[in-house]
Amino acid sequence: MTPIQLCPLQLKNQIEILREEMVMIGLNEGLCSEKTIKVSQKLDHFIAIYISIDHHLNDINGI
């Protein structure tokens, strides 16, 4: 995947957009459709990045 350059808030918004898109595709095309799976994988990637950033910020702030 291409590098992602978003601030945490933008990343969180993108995660929500992808989640909604995945649900709609899943309802229309089925949970096992190639399109649903691709969006799910992209969503997983964004969530992993968000969690990594969140953990890093918590470490910096001593949380």
PDB file of N, CA and C in Angstrom:
ATOM      1  N   MET A   1       0.838  -1.182   0.000  1.00  0.00           N
ATOM      2  CA  MET A   1       0.000   0.000   0.000  1.00  0.00           C
ATOM      3  C   MET A   1       0.883   1.245   0.000  1.00  0.00           C
ATOM      4  N   THR A   2       0.311   2.335  -0.480  1.00  0.00           N
ATOM      5  CA  THR A   2       1.049   3.586  -0.526  1.00  0.00           C
ATOM      6  C   THR A   2       1.135   4.193   0.868  1.00  0.00           C
ATOM      7  N   PRO A   3       2.182   4.965   1.133  1.00  0.00           N
ATOM      8  CA  PRO A   3       2.310   5.608   2.437  1.00  0.00           C
ATOM      9  C   PRO A   3       1.125   6.531   2.714  1.00  0.00           C
ATOM     10  N   ILE A   4       0.736   6.599   3.965  1.00  0.00           N
ATOM     11  CA  ILE A   4      -0.398   7.426   4.365  1.00  0.00           C
ATOM     12  C   ILE A   4       0.133   8.610   5.158  1.00  0.00           C
ATOM     13  N   GLN A   5      -0.262   9.817   4.763  1.00  0.00           N
ATOM     14  CA  GLN A   5       0.170  11.018   5.456  1.00  0.00           C
ATOM     15  C   GLN A   5      -1.061  11.792   5.913  1.00  0.00           C
ATOM     16  N   LEU A   6      -1.623  11.349   7.022  1.00  0.00           N
ATOM     17  CA  LEU A   6      -2.799  11.989   7.593  1.00  0.00           C
ATOM     18  C   LEU A   6      -2.545  12.232   9.070  1.00  0.00           C
ATOM     19  N   CYS A   7      -3.122  13.307   9.602  1.00  0.00           N
ATOM     20  CA  CYS A   7      -3.054  13.519  11.038  1.00  0.00           C
ATOM     21  C   CYS A   7      -4.037  12.546  11.697  1.00  0.00           C
ATOM     22  N   PRO A   8      -3.915  12.318  13.003  1.00  0.00           N
ATOM     23  CA  PRO A   8      -4.801  11.351  13.661  1.00  0.00           C
ATOM     24  C   PRO A   8      -6.293  11.624  13.449  1.00  0.00           C
ATOM     25  N   LEU A   9      -6.698  12.885  13.454  1.00  0.00           N
ATOM     26  CA  LEU A   9      -8.114  13.199  13.251  1.00  0.00           C
ATOM     27  C   LEU A   9      -8.558  12.834  11.839  1.00  0.00           C
ATOM     28  N   GLN A  10      -7.732  13.154  10.842  1.00  0.00           N
ATOM     29  CA  GLN A  10      -8.055  12.784   9.461  1.00  0.00           C
ATOM     30  C   GLN A  10      -8.103  11.271   9.310  1.00  0.00           C
ATOM     31  N   LEU A  11      -7.185  10.599   9.963  1.00  0.00           N
ATOM     32  CA  LEU A  11      -7.139   9.141   9.909  1.00  0.00           C
ATOM     33  C   LEU A  11      -8.398   8.547  10.528  1.00  0.00           C
ATOM     34  N   LYS A  12      -8.812   9.092  11.659  1.00  0.00           N
ATOM     35  CA  LYS A  12     -10.032   8.627  12.322  1.00  0.00           C
ATOM     36  C   LYS A  12     -11.253   8.840  11.425  1.00  0.00           C
ATOM     37  N   ASN A  13     -11.324   9.981  10.760  1.00  0.00           N
ATOM     38  CA  ASN A  13     -12.430  10.254   9.838  1.00  0.00           C
ATOM     39  C   ASN A  13     -12.412   9.287   8.661  1.00  0.00           C
ATOM     40  N   GLN A  14     -11.226   9.010   8.131  1.00  0.00           N
ATOM     41  CA  GLN A  14     -11.104   8.075   7.010  1.00  0.00           C
ATOM     42  C   GLN A  14     -11.518   6.669   7.434  1.00  0.00           C
ATOM     43  N   ILE A  15     -11.180   6.284   8.654  1.00  0.00           N
ATOM     44  CA  ILE A  15     -11.582   4.975   9.178  1.00  0.00           C
ATOM     45  C   ILE A  15     -13.103   4.880   9.213  1.00  0.00           C
ATOM     46  N   GLU A  16     -13.761   5.913   9.674  1.00  0.00           N
ATOM     47  CA  GLU A  16     -15.226   5.907   9.742  1.00  0.00           C
ATOM     48  C   GLU A  16     -15.840   5.831   8.347  1.00  0.00           C
ATOM     49  N   ILE A  17     -15.288   6.570   7.399  1.00  0.00           N
ATOM     50  CA  ILE A  17     -15.785   6.531   6.017  1.00  0.00           C
ATOM     51  C   ILE A  17     -15.632   5.126   5.439  1.00  0.00           C
ATOM     52  N   LEU A  18     -14.463   4.525   5.632  1.00  0.00           N
ATOM     53  CA  LEU A  18     -14.227   3.171   5.120  1.00  0.00           C
ATOM     54  C   LEU A  18     -15.144   2.153   5.790  1.00  0.00           C
ATOM     55  N   ARG A  19     -15.366   2.332   7.098  1.00  0.00           N
ATOM     56  CA  ARG A  19     -16.255   1.414   7.821  1.00  0.00           C
ATOM     57  C   ARG A  19     -17.660   1.460   7.231  1.00  0.00           C
ATOM     58  N   GLU A  20     -18.165   2.669   7.009  1.00  0.00           N
ATOM     59  CA  GLU A  20     -19.499   2.815   6.425  1.00  0.00           C
ATOM     60  C   GLU A  20     -19.550   2.235   5.012  1.00  0.00           C
ATOM     61  N   GLU A  21     -18.492   2.480   4.237  1.00  0.00           N
ATOM     62  CA  GLU A  21     -18.422   1.944   2.877  1.00  0.00           C
ATOM     63  C   GLU A  21     -18.421   0.415   2.899  1.00  0.00           C
ATOM     64  N   MET A  22     -17.646  -0.167   3.809  1.00  0.00           N
ATOM     65  CA  MET A  22     -17.567  -1.622   3.907  1.00  0.00           C
ATOM     66  C   MET A  22     -18.925  -2.227   4.272  1.00  0.00           C
ATOM     67  N   VAL A  23     -19.618  -1.597   5.202  1.00  0.00           N
ATOM     68  CA  VAL A  23     -20.936  -2.096   5.603  1.00  0.00           C
ATOM     69  C   VAL A  23     -21.901  -2.058   4.424  1.00  0.00           C
ATOM     70  N   MET A  24     -21.908  -0.955   3.696  1.00  0.00           N
ATOM     71  CA  MET A  24     -22.820  -0.842   2.550  1.00  0.00           C
ATOM     72  C   MET A  24     -22.490  -1.866   1.465  1.00  0.00           C
ATOM     73  N   ILE A  25     -21.217  -2.018   1.155  1.00  0.00           N
ATOM     74  CA  ILE A  25     -20.821  -3.002   0.148  1.00  0.00           C
ATOM     75  C   ILE A  25     -21.179  -4.398   0.630  1.00  0.00           C
ATOM     76  N   GLY A  26     -20.926  -4.671   1.899  1.00  0.00           N
ATOM     77  CA  GLY A  26     -21.250  -5.984   2.460  1.00  0.00           C
ATOM     78  C   GLY A  26     -22.735  -6.288   2.383  1.00  0.00           C
ATOM     79  N   LEU A  27     -23.564  -5.298   2.654  1.00  0.00           N
ATOM     80  CA  LEU A  27     -25.015  -5.496   2.576  1.00  0.00           C
ATOM     81  C   LEU A  27     -25.478  -5.711   1.139  1.00  0.00           C
ATOM     82  N   ASN A  28     -24.856  -4.995   0.206  1.00  0.00           N
ATOM     83  CA  ASN A  28     -25.273  -5.069  -1.198  1.00  0.00           C
ATOM     84  C   ASN A  28     -24.659  -6.230  -1.963  1.00  0.00           C
ATOM     85  N   GLU A  29     -23.404  -6.544  -1.669  1.00  0.00           N
ATOM     86  CA  GLU A  29     -22.694  -7.546  -2.470  1.00  0.00           C
ATOM     87  C   GLU A  29     -22.333  -8.804  -1.698  1.00  0.00           C
ATOM     88  N   GLY A  30     -22.533  -8.772  -0.388  1.00  0.00           N
ATOM     89  CA  GLY A  30     -22.200  -9.925   0.447  1.00  0.00           C
ATOM     90  C   GLY A  30     -20.872  -9.725   1.162  1.00  0.00           C
ATOM     91  N   LEU A  31     -20.760 -10.356   2.321  1.00  0.00           N
ATOM     92  CA  LEU A  31     -19.566 -10.188   3.138  1.00  0.00           C
ATOM     93  C   LEU A  31     -18.332 -10.837   2.533  1.00  0.00           C
ATOM     94  N   CYS A  32     -18.521 -11.798   1.660  1.00  0.00           N
ATOM     95  CA  CYS A  32     -17.393 -12.512   1.039  1.00  0.00           C
ATOM     96  C   CYS A  32     -17.030 -11.974  -0.333  1.00  0.00           C
ATOM     97  N   SER A  33     -17.690 -10.884  -0.758  1.00  0.00           N
ATOM     98  CA  SER A  33     -17.373 -10.343  -2.085  1.00  0.00           C
ATOM     99  C   SER A  33     -15.960  -9.768  -2.083  1.00  0.00           C
ATOM    100  N   GLU A  34     -15.330  -9.798  -3.233  1.00  0.00           N
ATOM    101  CA  GLU A  34     -13.960  -9.297  -3.364  1.00  0.00           C
ATOM    102  C   GLU A  34     -13.878  -7.827  -2.967  1.00  0.00           C
ATOM    103  N   LYS A  35     -14.889  -7.060  -3.346  1.00  0.00           N
ATOM    104  CA  LYS A  35     -14.908  -5.624  -3.041  1.00  0.00           C
ATOM    105  C   LYS A  35     -14.988  -5.392  -1.524  1.00  0.00           C
ATOM    106  N   THR A  36     -15.850  -6.152  -0.839  1.00  0.00           N
ATOM    107  CA  THR A  36     -15.973  -6.030   0.618  1.00  0.00           C
ATOM    108  C   THR A  36     -14.653  -6.368   1.290  1.00  0.00           C
ATOM    109  N   ILE A  37     -14.025  -7.429   0.841  1.00  0.00           N
ATOM    110  CA  ILE A  37     -12.767  -7.871   1.440  1.00  0.00           C
ATOM    111  C   ILE A  37     -11.666  -6.843   1.218  1.00  0.00           C
ATOM    112  N   LYS A  38     -11.602  -6.247   0.031  1.00  0.00           N
ATOM    113  CA  LYS A  38     -10.578  -5.227  -0.247  1.00  0.00           C
ATOM    114  C   LYS A  38     -10.755  -4.004   0.649  1.00  0.00           C
ATOM    115  N   VAL A  39     -11.999  -3.559   0.814  1.00  0.00           N
ATOM    116  CA  VAL A  39     -12.246  -2.402   1.684  1.00  0.00           C
ATOM    117  C   VAL A  39     -11.931  -2.777   3.130  1.00  0.00           C
ATOM    118  N   SER A  40     -12.271  -3.990   3.532  1.00  0.00           N
ATOM    119  CA  SER A  40     -11.975  -4.463   4.883  1.00  0.00           C
ATOM    120  C   SER A  40     -10.470  -4.467   5.145  1.00  0.00           C
ATOM    121  N   GLN A  41      -9.693  -4.920   4.182  1.00  0.00           N
ATOM    122  CA  GLN A  41      -8.237  -4.941   4.331  1.00  0.00           C
ATOM    123  C   GLN A  41      -7.671  -3.530   4.408  1.00  0.00           C
ATOM    124  N   LYS A  42      -8.212  -2.626   3.610  1.00  0.00           N
ATOM    125  CA  LYS A  42      -7.772  -1.226   3.662  1.00  0.00           C
ATOM    126  C   LYS A  42      -8.129  -0.627   5.021  1.00  0.00           C
ATOM    127  N   LEU A  43      -9.324  -0.931   5.506  1.00  0.00           N
ATOM    128  CA  LEU A  43      -9.764  -0.460   6.816  1.00  0.00           C
ATOM    129  C   LEU A  43      -8.840  -0.999   7.907  1.00  0.00           C
ATOM    130  N   ASP A  44      -8.509  -2.281   7.851  1.00  0.00           N
ATOM    131  CA  ASP A  44      -7.588  -2.879   8.823  1.00  0.00           C
ATOM    132  C   ASP A  44      -6.248  -2.146   8.827  1.00  0.00           C
ATOM    133  N   HIS A  45      -5.758  -1.815   7.643  1.00  0.00           N
ATOM    134  CA  HIS A  45      -4.481  -1.110   7.508  1.00  0.00           C
ATOM    135  C   HIS A  45      -4.554   0.261   8.184  1.00  0.00           C
ATOM    136  N   PHE A  46      -5.617   0.997   7.929  1.00  0.00           N
ATOM    137  CA  PHE A  46      -5.783   2.322   8.529  1.00  0.00           C
ATOM    138  C   PHE A  46      -5.924   2.220  10.048  1.00  0.00           C
ATOM    139  N   ILE A  47      -6.661   1.229  10.527  1.00  0.00           N
ATOM    140  CA  ILE A  47      -6.830   1.045  11.976  1.00  0.00           C
ATOM    141  C   ILE A  47      -5.491   0.730  12.628  1.00  0.00           C
ATOM    142  N   ALA A  48      -4.698  -0.121  11.996  1.00  0.00           N
ATOM    143  CA  ALA A  48      -3.382  -0.466  12.543  1.00  0.00           C
ATOM    144  C   ALA A  48      -2.492   0.771  12.640  1.00  0.00           C
ATOM    145  N   ILE A  49      -2.532   1.613  11.634  1.00  0.00           N
ATOM    146  CA  ILE A  49      -1.748   2.852  11.659  1.00  0.00           C
ATOM    147  C   ILE A  49      -2.244   3.767  12.775  1.00  0.00           C
ATOM    148  N   TYR A  50      -3.554   3.897  12.904  1.00  0.00           N
ATOM    149  CA  TYR A  50      -4.132   4.752  13.944  1.00  0.00           C
ATOM    150  C   TYR A  50      -3.720   4.267  15.334  1.00  0.00           C
ATOM    151  N   ILE A  51      -3.799   2.963  15.560  1.00  0.00           N
ATOM    152  CA  ILE A  51      -3.422   2.392  16.859  1.00  0.00           C
ATOM    153  C   ILE A  51      -1.943   2.641  17.135  1.00  0.00           C
ATOM    154  N   SER A  52      -1.113   2.477  16.122  1.00  0.00           N
ATOM    155  CA  SER A  52       0.323   2.715  16.274  1.00  0.00           C
ATOM    156  C   SER A  52       0.597   4.169  16.658  1.00  0.00           C
ATOM    157  N   ILE A  53      -0.064   5.091  15.978  1.00  0.00           N
ATOM    158  CA  ILE A  53       0.100   6.517  16.292  1.00  0.00           C
ATOM    159  C   ILE A  53      -0.398   6.806  17.704  1.00  0.00           C
ATOM    160  N   ASP A  54      -1.545   6.255  18.062  1.00  0.00           N
ATOM    161  CA  ASP A  54      -2.131   6.474  19.383  1.00  0.00           C
ATOM    162  C   ASP A  54      -1.193   5.969  20.482  1.00  0.00           C
ATOM    163  N   HIS A  55      -0.631   4.779  20.288  1.00  0.00           N
ATOM    164  CA  HIS A  55       0.301   4.231  21.282  1.00  0.00           C
ATOM    165  C   HIS A  55       1.549   5.105  21.385  1.00  0.00           C
ATOM    166  N   HIS A  56       2.032   5.565  20.248  1.00  0.00           N
ATOM    167  CA  HIS A  56       3.217   6.423  20.240  1.00  0.00           C
ATOM    168  C   HIS A  56       2.939   7.731  20.987  1.00  0.00           C
ATOM    169  N   LEU A  57       1.791   8.338  20.727  1.00  0.00           N
ATOM    170  CA  LEU A  57       1.440   9.590  21.410  1.00  0.00           C
ATOM    171  C   LEU A  57       1.258   9.367  22.906  1.00  0.00           C
ATOM    172  N   ASN A  58       0.674   8.237  23.281  1.00  0.00           N
ATOM    173  CA  ASN A  58       0.515   7.924  24.701  1.00  0.00           C
ATOM    174  C   ASN A  58       1.870   7.738  25.379  1.00  0.00           C
ATOM    175  N   ASP A  59       2.813   7.098  24.691  1.00  0.00           N
ATOM    176  CA  ASP A  59       4.161   6.929  25.239  1.00  0.00           C
ATOM    177  C   ASP A  59       4.831   8.284  25.447  1.00  0.00           C
ATOM    178  N   ILE A  60       4.678   9.168  24.470  1.00  0.00           N
ATOM    179  CA  ILE A  60       5.279  10.503  24.571  1.00  0.00           C
ATOM    180  C   ILE A  60       4.680  11.270  25.744  1.00  0.00           C
ATOM    181  N   ASN A  61       3.362  11.143  25.923  1.00  0.00           N
ATOM    182  CA  ASN A  61       2.666  11.882  26.978  1.00  0.00           C
ATOM    183  C   ASN A  61       2.679  11.151  28.316  1.00  0.00           C
ATOM    184  N   GLY A  62       3.293   9.978  28.373  1.00  0.00           N
ATOM    185  CA  GLY A  62       3.385   9.230  29.622  1.00  0.00           C
ATOM    186  C   GLY A  62       2.074   8.639  30.085  1.00  0.00           C
ATOM    187  N   ILE A  63       1.196   8.337  29.139  1.00  0.00           N
ATOM    188  CA  ILE A  63      -0.116   7.761  29.486  1.00  0.00           C
ATOM    189  C   ILE A  63      -0.047   6.260  29.380  1.00  0.00           C
TER     190      ILE A  63
END
